[in-house]
N, C-alpha and C. Protein backbone atom coordinates (compact mmCIF):
# COMPACT_ATOMS: atom_id res chain seq x y z
N MET A 1 105.63 96.95 116.64
CA MET A 1 105.14 96.49 115.54
C MET A 1 105.54 95.03 115.28
N GLU A 2 106.81 94.65 115.72
CA GLU A 2 107.18 93.29 115.55
C GLU A 2 108.40 93.00 116.44
N LEU A 3 108.47 91.70 116.80
CA LEU A 3 109.54 91.18 117.58
C LEU A 3 110.08 90.05 116.66
N SER A 4 111.39 90.08 116.16
CA SER A 4 111.78 89.05 115.31
C SER A 4 113.23 88.58 115.56
N ALA A 5 113.56 87.45 114.88
CA ALA A 5 114.86 86.91 114.91
C ALA A 5 115.10 86.37 113.51
N GLN A 6 116.31 86.64 112.94
CA GLN A 6 116.62 86.29 111.63
C GLN A 6 118.03 85.56 111.64
N TYR A 7 118.18 84.59 110.83
CA TYR A 7 119.47 83.87 110.51
C TYR A 7 119.59 83.80 109.03
N THR A 8 120.75 84.23 108.58
CA THR A 8 121.12 84.23 107.09
C THR A 8 122.25 83.26 107.00
N LEU A 9 122.27 82.35 106.03
CA LEU A 9 123.28 81.46 105.82
C LEU A 9 123.80 81.58 104.30
N PRO A 10 124.99 82.05 104.10
CA PRO A 10 125.48 82.11 102.65
C PRO A 10 125.65 80.75 102.18
N LEU A 11 125.18 80.48 101.03
CA LEU A 11 125.42 79.20 100.27
C LEU A 11 126.37 79.26 99.11
N GLY A 12 126.80 80.42 98.81
CA GLY A 12 127.67 80.65 97.75
C GLY A 12 127.91 82.17 97.54
N GLU A 13 128.48 82.58 96.42
CA GLU A 13 128.78 83.93 96.19
C GLU A 13 127.48 84.85 96.25
N ARG A 14 126.55 84.40 95.63
CA ARG A 14 125.20 85.13 95.58
C ARG A 14 123.97 84.48 96.07
N TRP A 15 124.13 83.36 96.61
CA TRP A 15 122.98 82.60 97.18
C TRP A 15 122.96 82.68 98.69
N TYR A 16 121.81 82.87 99.21
CA TYR A 16 121.56 82.92 100.72
C TYR A 16 120.38 82.14 101.08
N LEU A 17 120.40 81.49 102.17
CA LEU A 17 119.27 80.83 102.83
C LEU A 17 118.84 81.72 104.01
N VAL A 18 117.71 82.11 104.11
CA VAL A 18 117.20 82.95 105.20
C VAL A 18 116.10 82.36 105.98
N TYR A 19 116.21 82.38 107.38
CA TYR A 19 115.18 81.93 108.33
C TYR A 19 114.79 83.13 109.13
N LEU A 20 113.51 83.32 109.28
CA LEU A 20 112.91 84.43 110.16
C LEU A 20 111.81 83.87 110.97
N PHE A 21 111.75 84.42 112.24
CA PHE A 21 110.72 84.09 113.16
C PHE A 21 110.19 85.42 113.83
N TRP A 22 108.91 85.62 113.70
CA TRP A 22 108.34 86.83 114.26
C TRP A 22 107.27 86.50 115.28
N LEU A 23 107.15 87.31 116.29
CA LEU A 23 106.14 87.14 117.34
C LEU A 23 105.84 88.56 117.84
N PRO A 24 105.02 89.38 117.38
CA PRO A 24 104.28 89.35 116.13
C PRO A 24 105.10 89.80 114.98
N GLY A 25 104.63 89.63 113.66
CA GLY A 25 105.35 90.04 112.57
C GLY A 25 104.65 89.82 111.24
N GLU A 26 105.32 89.76 110.16
CA GLU A 26 104.76 89.85 108.75
C GLU A 26 105.07 88.54 108.05
N PRO A 27 104.03 87.77 107.54
CA PRO A 27 104.31 86.62 106.74
C PRO A 27 104.63 87.09 105.27
N ALA A 28 104.97 86.18 104.45
CA ALA A 28 105.37 86.38 103.11
C ALA A 28 104.13 86.58 102.25
N LEU A 29 103.51 87.72 102.43
CA LEU A 29 102.11 87.98 101.72
C LEU A 29 101.99 89.43 101.55
N GLY A 30 102.08 89.91 100.36
CA GLY A 30 101.80 91.27 100.05
C GLY A 30 103.08 92.14 100.03
N PRO A 31 103.00 93.38 99.74
CA PRO A 31 104.24 94.28 99.84
C PRO A 31 104.64 94.63 101.20
N VAL A 32 105.69 95.41 101.24
CA VAL A 32 106.02 95.85 102.69
C VAL A 32 104.85 96.64 103.23
N ALA A 33 104.56 96.51 104.52
CA ALA A 33 103.45 97.19 105.15
C ALA A 33 103.40 98.71 104.80
N PHE A 34 102.22 99.28 104.77
CA PHE A 34 102.10 100.59 104.28
C PHE A 34 102.98 101.59 105.11
N MET A 35 103.03 101.44 106.45
CA MET A 35 103.80 102.39 107.22
C MET A 35 105.25 102.34 107.06
N HIS A 36 105.76 101.37 106.25
CA HIS A 36 107.17 101.28 106.00
C HIS A 36 107.53 101.53 104.48
N ARG A 37 106.59 101.77 103.69
CA ARG A 37 106.69 102.07 102.26
C ARG A 37 107.07 103.50 102.02
N MET A 38 108.06 103.88 101.33
CA MET A 38 108.38 105.25 101.03
C MET A 38 107.16 105.93 100.34
N SER A 39 106.46 105.14 99.43
CA SER A 39 105.39 105.72 98.67
C SER A 39 104.21 106.18 99.49
N ALA A 40 104.07 105.58 100.73
CA ALA A 40 103.00 105.88 101.65
C ALA A 40 103.48 106.73 102.84
N SER A 41 104.66 107.34 102.77
CA SER A 41 105.30 108.03 103.97
C SER A 41 104.38 109.31 104.38
N ARG A 42 103.73 109.82 103.38
CA ARG A 42 102.89 111.01 103.67
C ARG A 42 101.46 110.68 103.96
N ILE A 43 101.12 109.32 103.98
CA ILE A 43 99.69 108.89 104.32
C ILE A 43 99.82 108.55 105.71
N HIS A 44 98.98 109.27 106.59
CA HIS A 44 99.03 109.15 108.08
C HIS A 44 98.04 108.08 108.57
N ARG A 45 97.06 107.74 107.65
CA ARG A 45 96.11 106.66 108.07
C ARG A 45 96.14 105.55 107.01
N ARG A 46 95.89 104.39 107.46
CA ARG A 46 95.86 103.27 106.52
C ARG A 46 94.67 103.49 105.53
N THR A 47 94.93 102.96 104.33
CA THR A 47 93.83 103.02 103.25
C THR A 47 92.85 101.95 103.49
N LEU A 48 91.66 102.10 102.88
CA LEU A 48 90.66 101.03 102.92
C LEU A 48 91.14 99.73 102.28
N SER A 49 91.98 99.84 101.20
CA SER A 49 92.52 98.75 100.55
C SER A 49 93.64 97.99 101.29
N HIS A 50 93.97 98.58 102.39
CA HIS A 50 95.00 97.95 103.26
C HIS A 50 94.81 96.47 103.68
N HIS A 51 93.53 96.14 103.86
CA HIS A 51 93.18 94.71 104.19
C HIS A 51 93.46 93.75 103.13
N LEU A 52 93.47 94.19 101.83
CA LEU A 52 93.74 93.34 100.77
C LEU A 52 95.26 93.36 100.30
N GLN A 53 96.02 94.27 100.86
CA GLN A 53 97.43 94.46 100.48
C GLN A 53 98.41 94.01 101.47
N ASP A 54 98.29 94.46 102.70
CA ASP A 54 99.33 94.16 103.72
C ASP A 54 98.88 94.05 105.13
N SER A 55 97.59 93.67 105.32
CA SER A 55 97.04 93.67 106.71
C SER A 55 97.64 92.45 107.48
N THR A 56 98.35 91.53 106.96
CA THR A 56 98.88 90.46 107.77
C THR A 56 100.20 90.83 108.48
N HIS A 57 100.66 92.05 108.42
CA HIS A 57 101.90 92.40 108.99
C HIS A 57 101.91 92.40 110.49
N ILE A 58 100.70 92.16 111.15
CA ILE A 58 100.69 92.00 112.55
C ILE A 58 100.31 90.65 113.03
N SER A 59 100.51 89.63 112.19
CA SER A 59 100.18 88.27 112.59
C SER A 59 101.03 87.87 113.84
N PHE A 60 100.36 87.20 114.75
CA PHE A 60 100.97 86.78 116.04
C PHE A 60 101.54 85.36 115.84
N GLY A 61 102.78 85.36 115.44
CA GLY A 61 103.44 84.02 115.18
C GLY A 61 103.58 83.74 113.75
N VAL A 62 104.95 83.93 113.30
CA VAL A 62 105.15 83.75 111.81
C VAL A 62 106.56 83.10 111.74
N PHE A 63 106.69 82.04 110.94
CA PHE A 63 107.96 81.46 110.59
C PHE A 63 108.13 81.63 108.95
N THR A 64 109.25 82.11 108.59
CA THR A 64 109.49 82.39 107.13
C THR A 64 110.85 81.82 106.77
N THR A 65 110.87 81.06 105.68
CA THR A 65 112.23 80.65 105.20
C THR A 65 112.24 81.09 103.63
N GLY A 66 113.46 81.21 103.14
CA GLY A 66 113.53 81.55 101.77
C GLY A 66 114.97 81.57 101.25
N PHE A 67 115.06 81.75 99.90
CA PHE A 67 116.39 81.77 99.22
C PHE A 67 116.43 83.19 98.64
N THR A 68 117.62 83.72 98.48
CA THR A 68 117.87 84.85 97.65
C THR A 68 118.95 84.56 96.71
N TYR A 69 118.80 85.06 95.52
CA TYR A 69 119.88 84.86 94.45
C TYR A 69 119.84 86.18 93.61
N ARG A 70 120.89 86.90 93.75
CA ARG A 70 121.05 88.10 93.02
C ARG A 70 119.82 89.05 93.18
N TRP A 71 119.07 89.16 92.19
CA TRP A 71 117.91 90.19 92.33
C TRP A 71 116.57 89.54 92.83
N PHE A 72 116.60 88.20 93.03
CA PHE A 72 115.32 87.45 93.31
C PHE A 72 115.41 86.98 94.77
N LYS A 73 114.18 86.98 95.33
CA LYS A 73 114.05 86.37 96.72
C LYS A 73 112.70 85.57 96.71
N LEU A 74 112.78 84.32 97.04
CA LEU A 74 111.60 83.46 97.17
C LEU A 74 111.39 83.07 98.58
N GLU A 75 110.28 83.37 99.11
CA GLU A 75 109.87 83.07 100.61
C GLU A 75 108.69 82.31 100.71
N GLY A 76 108.66 81.54 101.77
CA GLY A 76 107.35 80.82 102.23
C GLY A 76 107.19 80.92 103.72
N SER A 77 105.99 81.10 104.02
CA SER A 77 105.65 81.36 105.52
C SER A 77 104.54 80.38 106.02
N SER A 78 104.66 80.14 107.32
CA SER A 78 103.63 79.52 108.00
C SER A 78 103.32 80.45 109.22
N SER A 79 102.03 80.68 109.35
CA SER A 79 101.63 81.73 110.45
C SER A 79 100.36 81.29 111.08
N THR A 80 100.01 82.18 112.07
CA THR A 80 98.72 82.01 112.70
C THR A 80 97.58 82.75 112.09
N ALA A 81 97.86 83.73 111.38
CA ALA A 81 96.85 84.62 110.83
C ALA A 81 96.02 85.45 111.85
N VAL A 82 96.54 85.36 112.99
CA VAL A 82 95.80 86.03 114.17
C VAL A 82 96.62 87.38 114.45
N SER A 83 95.91 88.54 114.33
CA SER A 83 96.55 89.70 114.46
C SER A 83 96.63 90.08 116.09
N ARG A 84 97.45 91.05 116.35
CA ARG A 84 97.61 91.55 117.78
C ARG A 84 96.34 92.28 118.11
N MET A 85 95.65 92.93 117.08
CA MET A 85 94.39 93.67 117.41
C MET A 85 93.29 92.76 117.85
N ARG A 86 93.45 91.38 117.43
CA ARG A 86 92.37 90.35 117.83
C ARG A 86 92.66 89.80 119.13
N ILE A 87 93.98 89.56 119.54
CA ILE A 87 94.26 88.81 120.69
C ILE A 87 94.86 89.66 121.83
N GLY A 88 95.13 91.01 121.58
CA GLY A 88 95.86 91.77 122.67
C GLY A 88 97.23 91.63 122.68
N TYR A 89 97.88 91.85 123.75
CA TYR A 89 99.33 91.82 123.77
C TYR A 89 99.83 90.70 124.54
N ASP A 90 99.17 89.69 124.83
CA ASP A 90 99.72 88.53 125.53
C ASP A 90 100.41 87.55 124.60
N PHE A 91 100.92 86.41 125.19
CA PHE A 91 101.64 85.51 124.39
C PHE A 91 100.98 84.13 124.35
N ASP A 92 99.61 84.12 124.05
CA ASP A 92 98.94 82.91 123.85
C ASP A 92 99.30 82.12 122.71
N ALA A 93 99.26 80.79 122.74
CA ALA A 93 99.59 79.94 121.67
C ALA A 93 98.45 79.78 120.75
N HIS A 94 98.63 79.96 119.43
CA HIS A 94 97.53 79.74 118.42
C HIS A 94 97.94 78.66 117.49
N LYS A 95 97.07 78.20 116.71
CA LYS A 95 97.41 77.12 115.66
C LYS A 95 98.11 77.93 114.48
N TRP A 96 99.15 77.25 113.97
CA TRP A 96 99.93 77.75 112.89
C TRP A 96 99.20 77.14 111.60
N ASN A 97 98.11 77.68 111.13
CA ASN A 97 97.30 77.09 110.19
C ASN A 97 97.19 77.86 108.86
N SER A 98 97.93 78.89 108.64
CA SER A 98 97.92 79.70 107.50
C SER A 98 99.28 79.55 106.84
N ARG A 99 99.21 79.73 105.45
CA ARG A 99 100.35 79.58 104.60
C ARG A 99 100.36 80.67 103.53
N SER A 100 101.57 81.10 103.12
CA SER A 100 101.78 82.05 102.03
C SER A 100 103.14 81.93 101.39
N ALA A 101 103.16 82.45 100.23
CA ALA A 101 104.49 82.41 99.40
C ALA A 101 104.55 83.78 98.71
N ARG A 102 105.84 84.21 98.54
CA ARG A 102 106.12 85.56 97.84
C ARG A 102 107.37 85.40 97.03
N LEU A 103 107.38 86.05 95.96
CA LEU A 103 108.52 86.19 95.04
C LEU A 103 108.86 87.63 94.82
N TRP A 104 110.07 88.07 95.16
CA TRP A 104 110.51 89.47 95.00
C TRP A 104 111.38 89.55 93.86
N PHE A 105 111.38 90.65 93.09
CA PHE A 105 112.39 91.00 92.07
C PHE A 105 112.89 92.35 92.41
N MET A 106 114.17 92.55 92.75
CA MET A 106 114.82 93.83 93.08
C MET A 106 116.08 94.04 92.20
N PRO A 107 115.87 94.50 90.96
CA PRO A 107 116.94 94.69 90.00
C PRO A 107 118.03 95.71 90.39
N ASN A 108 117.66 96.70 91.30
CA ASN A 108 118.50 97.76 91.73
C ASN A 108 117.92 98.33 93.03
N LYS A 109 118.62 99.36 93.51
CA LYS A 109 118.13 99.98 94.78
C LYS A 109 116.92 100.77 94.62
N ASN A 110 116.56 101.12 93.42
CA ASN A 110 115.29 101.99 93.22
C ASN A 110 114.05 101.23 92.93
N TRP A 111 114.09 100.02 92.34
CA TRP A 111 112.91 99.35 91.96
C TRP A 111 112.73 98.03 92.80
N THR A 112 111.56 97.74 93.07
CA THR A 112 111.17 96.40 93.72
C THR A 112 109.82 96.01 93.25
N ALA A 113 109.65 94.76 93.05
CA ALA A 113 108.40 94.15 92.58
C ALA A 113 108.14 92.76 93.32
N GLN A 114 106.81 92.50 93.56
CA GLN A 114 106.58 91.26 94.20
C GLN A 114 105.23 90.62 93.77
N VAL A 115 105.10 89.36 93.83
CA VAL A 115 103.79 88.67 93.67
C VAL A 115 103.79 87.60 94.80
N SER A 116 102.52 87.52 95.33
CA SER A 116 102.39 86.61 96.50
C SER A 116 101.04 86.08 96.63
N TYR A 117 100.90 84.98 97.27
CA TYR A 117 99.59 84.24 97.29
C TYR A 117 99.51 83.63 98.88
N GLY A 118 98.41 83.59 99.43
CA GLY A 118 98.27 83.11 100.69
C GLY A 118 96.92 82.50 101.09
N PHE A 119 96.90 81.60 101.97
CA PHE A 119 95.66 81.07 102.64
C PHE A 119 95.61 81.44 104.13
N LEU A 120 94.63 82.14 104.50
CA LEU A 120 94.52 82.66 105.82
C LEU A 120 93.31 82.02 106.53
N ARG A 121 93.62 81.15 107.60
CA ARG A 121 92.52 80.53 108.33
C ARG A 121 91.88 81.54 109.35
N SER A 122 90.69 81.85 109.09
CA SER A 122 89.89 82.61 110.08
C SER A 122 90.64 83.90 110.58
N PRO A 123 91.00 84.78 109.56
CA PRO A 123 91.77 85.98 110.09
C PRO A 123 91.06 87.18 110.74
N GLU A 124 89.71 87.15 110.54
CA GLU A 124 88.91 88.32 111.04
C GLU A 124 88.09 87.87 112.16
N ASN A 125 88.24 88.75 113.28
CA ASN A 125 87.48 88.51 114.56
C ASN A 125 85.96 88.52 114.29
N GLN A 126 85.50 89.37 113.43
CA GLN A 126 83.97 89.49 113.19
C GLN A 126 83.42 88.32 112.50
N GLU A 127 84.18 87.54 111.80
CA GLU A 127 83.74 86.36 111.03
C GLU A 127 84.73 85.34 111.32
N PRO A 128 84.62 84.61 112.42
CA PRO A 128 85.62 83.59 112.80
C PRO A 128 85.54 82.30 111.91
N ASP A 129 84.37 82.20 111.24
CA ASP A 129 84.34 80.91 110.40
C ASP A 129 84.65 81.15 108.91
N VAL A 130 85.16 82.26 108.59
CA VAL A 130 85.51 82.59 107.16
C VAL A 130 87.00 82.55 107.05
N ASP A 131 87.36 81.75 105.96
CA ASP A 131 88.79 81.73 105.56
C ASP A 131 89.03 82.59 104.40
N VAL A 132 90.19 82.99 104.15
CA VAL A 132 90.51 84.00 103.09
C VAL A 132 91.74 83.42 102.21
N ARG A 133 91.54 83.50 100.87
CA ARG A 133 92.66 83.21 99.97
C ARG A 133 92.94 84.56 99.32
N ARG A 134 94.18 85.03 99.37
CA ARG A 134 94.60 86.45 98.97
C ARG A 134 95.71 86.28 98.02
N ALA A 135 95.66 87.15 96.89
CA ALA A 135 96.73 87.35 95.95
C ALA A 135 97.06 88.74 95.94
N ASN A 136 98.46 89.05 95.67
CA ASN A 136 98.88 90.42 95.68
C ASN A 136 99.99 90.53 94.65
N ALA A 137 100.12 91.69 94.07
CA ALA A 137 101.22 92.05 93.14
C ALA A 137 101.45 93.52 93.33
N SER A 138 102.71 93.89 93.34
CA SER A 138 103.15 95.29 93.43
C SER A 138 104.43 95.65 92.68
N VAL A 139 104.48 96.82 92.35
CA VAL A 139 105.76 97.44 91.74
C VAL A 139 105.93 98.86 92.55
N GLN A 140 107.16 99.00 92.99
CA GLN A 140 107.45 100.22 93.69
C GLN A 140 108.79 100.78 93.25
N TYR A 141 108.79 102.14 93.25
CA TYR A 141 109.97 102.80 92.74
C TYR A 141 110.31 103.91 93.75
N ASN A 142 111.48 104.18 94.05
CA ASN A 142 111.90 105.13 94.98
C ASN A 142 113.28 105.76 94.46
N ARG A 143 113.27 106.99 94.20
CA ARG A 143 114.46 107.79 93.72
C ARG A 143 114.82 108.89 94.58
N PRO A 144 115.96 108.71 95.33
CA PRO A 144 116.31 109.88 96.19
C PRO A 144 116.96 110.99 95.41
N PHE A 145 116.66 112.18 95.91
CA PHE A 145 117.26 113.43 95.22
C PHE A 145 117.98 114.16 96.35
N HIS A 146 118.66 115.23 96.07
CA HIS A 146 119.41 115.98 97.00
C HIS A 146 118.46 116.57 98.07
N ARG A 147 117.29 117.01 97.71
CA ARG A 147 116.34 117.51 98.58
C ARG A 147 115.05 116.66 98.69
N GLY A 148 115.12 115.51 99.01
CA GLY A 148 113.95 114.63 99.12
C GLY A 148 113.98 113.41 98.17
N ASN A 149 112.92 112.80 97.79
CA ASN A 149 112.87 111.77 96.90
C ASN A 149 111.56 111.64 96.27
N TRP A 150 111.54 110.85 95.12
CA TRP A 150 110.32 110.53 94.44
C TRP A 150 110.05 109.10 94.76
N ALA A 151 108.79 108.86 95.31
CA ALA A 151 108.40 107.40 95.64
C ALA A 151 106.94 107.09 95.09
N SER A 152 106.93 106.02 94.33
CA SER A 152 105.63 105.62 93.78
C SER A 152 105.43 104.13 93.95
N GLY A 153 104.22 103.69 94.09
CA GLY A 153 103.81 102.36 94.15
C GLY A 153 102.46 102.00 93.51
N LEU A 154 102.55 100.96 92.74
CA LEU A 154 101.24 100.37 92.22
C LEU A 154 101.01 99.00 92.94
N ILE A 155 99.95 98.97 93.59
CA ILE A 155 99.70 97.83 94.44
C ILE A 155 98.28 97.24 94.12
N LEU A 156 98.25 95.98 93.83
CA LEU A 156 97.01 95.29 93.51
C LEU A 156 96.68 94.14 94.52
N GLY A 157 95.53 93.94 94.87
CA GLY A 157 95.14 92.88 95.81
C GLY A 157 93.84 92.27 95.43
N ALA A 158 93.69 90.95 95.56
CA ALA A 158 92.43 90.14 95.31
C ALA A 158 92.33 89.16 96.36
N GLN A 159 91.00 88.88 96.74
CA GLN A 159 90.82 87.82 97.56
C GLN A 159 89.49 87.06 97.45
N SER A 160 89.32 85.85 97.90
CA SER A 160 88.15 85.15 97.95
C SER A 160 87.92 84.77 99.43
N ARG A 161 86.65 84.82 99.82
CA ARG A 161 86.32 84.37 101.18
C ARG A 161 85.52 83.11 101.16
N GLU A 162 85.85 82.22 102.06
CA GLU A 162 85.25 80.79 102.02
C GLU A 162 84.74 80.50 103.47
N ARG A 163 83.53 79.92 103.43
CA ARG A 163 83.06 79.35 104.70
C ARG A 163 83.06 77.82 104.47
N PRO A 164 83.08 77.01 105.55
CA PRO A 164 83.08 75.61 105.32
C PRO A 164 81.94 75.11 104.52
N GLY A 165 82.23 74.35 103.41
CA GLY A 165 81.29 73.83 102.58
C GLY A 165 80.79 74.74 101.44
N GLU A 166 81.34 75.96 101.37
CA GLU A 166 81.02 76.86 100.27
C GLU A 166 82.16 77.82 99.91
N ILE A 167 82.25 78.37 98.74
CA ILE A 167 83.27 79.25 98.35
C ILE A 167 82.61 80.46 97.79
N HIS A 168 83.07 81.62 98.34
CA HIS A 168 82.64 82.95 97.72
C HIS A 168 83.74 83.56 96.93
N ASN A 169 83.47 83.59 95.68
CA ASN A 169 84.53 84.16 94.80
C ASN A 169 84.30 85.72 94.62
N LEU A 170 84.27 86.40 95.71
CA LEU A 170 84.27 87.88 95.63
C LEU A 170 85.59 88.50 95.32
N GLN A 171 85.90 88.43 94.09
CA GLN A 171 87.17 88.86 93.61
C GLN A 171 87.10 90.43 93.58
N ARG A 172 87.68 90.98 94.62
CA ARG A 172 87.80 92.43 94.72
C ARG A 172 89.20 92.77 94.38
N VAL A 173 89.37 93.56 93.40
CA VAL A 173 90.75 94.03 92.99
C VAL A 173 90.86 95.56 93.39
N TYR A 174 91.83 95.84 94.12
CA TYR A 174 92.04 97.25 94.59
C TYR A 174 93.49 97.52 94.13
N GLY A 175 93.67 98.79 93.58
CA GLY A 175 95.00 99.32 93.25
C GLY A 175 95.27 100.56 93.95
N ARG A 176 96.41 100.85 94.21
CA ARG A 176 96.83 102.08 94.85
C ARG A 176 98.06 102.63 94.26
N ILE A 177 97.95 103.86 93.65
CA ILE A 177 99.20 104.48 93.21
C ILE A 177 99.50 105.65 94.13
N ASN A 178 100.68 105.55 94.77
CA ASN A 178 101.13 106.67 95.66
C ASN A 178 102.22 107.33 94.95
N HIS A 179 102.43 108.67 95.20
CA HIS A 179 103.53 109.36 94.74
C HIS A 179 103.78 110.66 95.62
């Protein structure tokens, strides 16, 4: 699913600077991919709303940098927006023409929330002239018990699709509550 390298530089007692490089991997856009979320651990197929939530997790070429401070993490990514499904398994060079940013809030080990926004240049193989602007927000809760755990997630995604010279504001909002 990914090949990555990470470097973390402590800047103080609670400050860290993080650099990540993926080939392929996940830009700073959306929640953790569905197959890695505890709230989706019993869902064996991706949901239809997957494309508005976390479909960029297989982008072929991603560089992310960010800061963490206590409960917050701010990240920014530059990526190709080209998925492995689109290009196969080779190591072709593609333009790094997509951008995204994400803010995490993790007050304790059970709760996590994020908001993110990204611009994806031509991410779909079926419509190579369409660019996408995507926004996401999510809140997730996971509580381990002696015999299992409780995991829930509320995930929202919206996007607009653009062709050169025109903008399509097809604001589709999808939510998903898993438990």
